[in-house]
């Protein structure tokens, strides 16, 4: 039987991946930037700015362009936390469905073995 103790990666790995990728340092290679900087910028552009009015979005863009790496990481942490709040019920439902299907299969196998033994 499958339980939540054996299914903990369903919660941990997507959340850690979402949170940690934006905190990586940014490095450049052949004119391209890799690491957390582009991810933090993408998160602000995708998840924060569409929710704000135009004057507020302009203030956030002006602040973000002058922010230090720590300030960018702080803002990204807040955005990632809000995304996690919305994703947790999805991961819970996915884990619950996996558990129910796996347990149903185990019960059916046991019933077939019992009926074959009779």
Protein backbone atom coordinates (compact mmCIF):
# COMPACT_ATOMS: atom_id res chain seq x y z
CA UNK A 1 0.00 0.00 0.00
CA UNK A 2 1.19 3.47 -0.85
CA UNK A 3 1.14 6.16 1.84
CA UNK A 4 2.10 9.82 2.05
CA UNK A 5 5.35 8.86 3.78
CA UNK A 6 6.49 7.05 0.64
CA UNK A 7 5.10 9.78 -1.65
CA UNK A 8 6.85 12.82 -0.15
CA UNK A 9 8.77 13.63 -3.38
CA UNK A 10 5.47 14.64 -5.01
CA UNK A 11 5.47 17.70 -2.74
CA UNK A 12 9.14 18.38 -2.13
CA UNK A 13 10.81 18.21 -5.54
CA UNK A 14 8.52 20.57 -7.52
CA UNK A 15 8.50 23.11 -4.70
CA UNK A 16 12.28 22.99 -4.24
CA UNK A 17 12.82 23.22 -7.97
CA UNK A 18 10.54 26.23 -8.26
CA UNK A 19 12.13 27.98 -5.30
CA UNK A 20 15.80 27.20 -5.81
CA UNK A 21 16.17 27.94 -9.51
CA UNK A 22 15.67 31.67 -8.98
CA UNK A 23 18.29 31.87 -6.24
CA UNK A 24 21.15 30.54 -8.39
CA UNK A 25 23.84 33.10 -9.21
CA UNK A 26 23.82 34.62 -12.67
CA UNK A 27 26.70 34.03 -15.04
CA UNK A 28 27.38 34.99 -18.61
CA UNK A 29 28.68 32.87 -21.45
CA UNK A 30 29.13 34.14 -25.03
CA UNK A 31 26.76 37.04 -24.54
CA UNK A 32 24.00 34.94 -22.94
CA UNK A 33 23.10 35.13 -19.26
CA UNK A 34 22.35 31.94 -17.36
CA UNK A 35 21.28 31.31 -13.79
CA UNK A 36 18.84 32.95 -11.45
CA UNK A 37 18.81 36.50 -12.84
CA UNK A 38 16.77 35.73 -15.98
CA UNK A 39 14.47 33.49 -13.93
CA UNK A 40 13.83 36.25 -11.38
CA UNK A 41 13.16 38.74 -14.17
CA UNK A 42 10.81 36.30 -15.92
CA UNK A 43 8.91 35.69 -12.68
CA UNK A 44 8.41 39.41 -12.11
CA UNK A 45 7.34 39.98 -15.73
CA UNK A 46 5.01 36.98 -15.81
CA UNK A 47 3.44 36.80 -12.37
CA UNK A 48 3.71 40.22 -10.72
CA UNK A 49 3.48 42.95 -13.34
CA UNK A 50 0.20 41.77 -14.96
CA UNK A 51 -1.50 42.05 -11.55
CA UNK A 52 -0.49 45.68 -10.99
CA UNK A 53 -1.84 48.89 -12.45
CA UNK A 54 0.39 50.71 -14.93
CA UNK A 55 1.78 53.31 -12.46
CA UNK A 56 2.51 50.62 -9.88
CA UNK A 57 4.11 48.37 -12.51
CA UNK A 58 6.33 51.25 -13.64
CA UNK A 59 7.47 51.80 -10.05
CA UNK A 60 8.24 48.09 -9.63
CA UNK A 61 10.20 48.03 -12.92
CA UNK A 62 12.18 51.12 -11.88
CA UNK A 63 12.91 49.59 -8.48
CA UNK A 64 13.79 46.18 -9.94
CA UNK A 65 16.23 47.67 -12.44
CA UNK A 66 18.13 49.34 -9.55
CA UNK A 67 17.77 46.48 -7.04
CA UNK A 68 20.65 44.48 -5.67
CA UNK A 69 20.81 40.71 -6.09
CA UNK A 70 19.55 40.22 -2.53
CA UNK A 71 16.55 42.49 -3.15
CA UNK A 72 15.78 40.62 -6.38
CA UNK A 73 15.98 37.32 -4.50
CA UNK A 74 13.68 38.65 -1.79
CA UNK A 75 11.06 39.70 -4.34
CA UNK A 76 11.44 36.37 -6.16
CA UNK A 77 11.01 34.53 -2.85
CA UNK A 78 7.69 36.27 -2.27
CA UNK A 79 6.52 35.44 -5.80
CA UNK A 80 7.62 31.79 -5.46
CA UNK A 81 5.85 31.51 -2.10
CA UNK A 82 2.61 32.74 -3.64
CA UNK A 83 2.98 30.26 -6.51
CA UNK A 84 3.53 27.46 -4.02
CA UNK A 85 0.30 28.34 -2.25
CA UNK A 86 -1.59 27.79 -5.51
CA UNK A 87 0.37 24.68 -6.52
CA UNK A 88 0.09 22.78 -3.23
CA UNK A 89 -3.58 21.80 -3.72
CA UNK A 90 -2.70 20.58 -7.22
CA UNK A 91 0.16 18.46 -5.87
CA UNK A 92 -2.06 17.19 -3.05
CA UNK A 93 -4.74 16.13 -5.52
CA UNK A 94 -2.14 14.46 -7.73
CA UNK A 95 -0.64 12.60 -4.78
CA UNK A 96 -4.07 11.59 -3.49
CA UNK A 97 -5.01 10.24 -6.92
CA UNK A 98 -1.75 8.26 -7.16
CA UNK A 99 -2.31 6.77 -3.71
CA UNK A 100 -5.93 5.79 -4.43
CA UNK A 101 -5.10 4.19 -7.78
CA UNK A 102 -2.12 2.28 -6.39
CA UNK A 103 -4.09 1.06 -3.37
CA UNK A 104 -7.03 0.03 -5.57
CA UNK A 105 -4.65 -2.01 -7.75
CA UNK A 106 -3.14 -3.67 -4.65
CA UNK A 107 -6.59 -4.54 -3.27
CA UNK A 108 -7.70 -6.00 -6.62
CA UNK A 109 -4.54 -8.11 -6.86
CA UNK A 110 -5.12 -9.44 -3.36
CA UNK A 111 -8.77 -10.23 -4.13
CA UNK A 112 -7.74 -12.10 -7.31
CA UNK A 113 -5.17 -14.12 -5.36
CA UNK A 114 -7.76 -14.97 -2.69
CA UNK A 115 -10.34 -16.03 -5.27
CA UNK A 116 -7.77 -18.14 -7.14
CA UNK A 117 -6.74 -19.87 -3.91
CA UNK A 118 -10.32 -20.93 -3.18
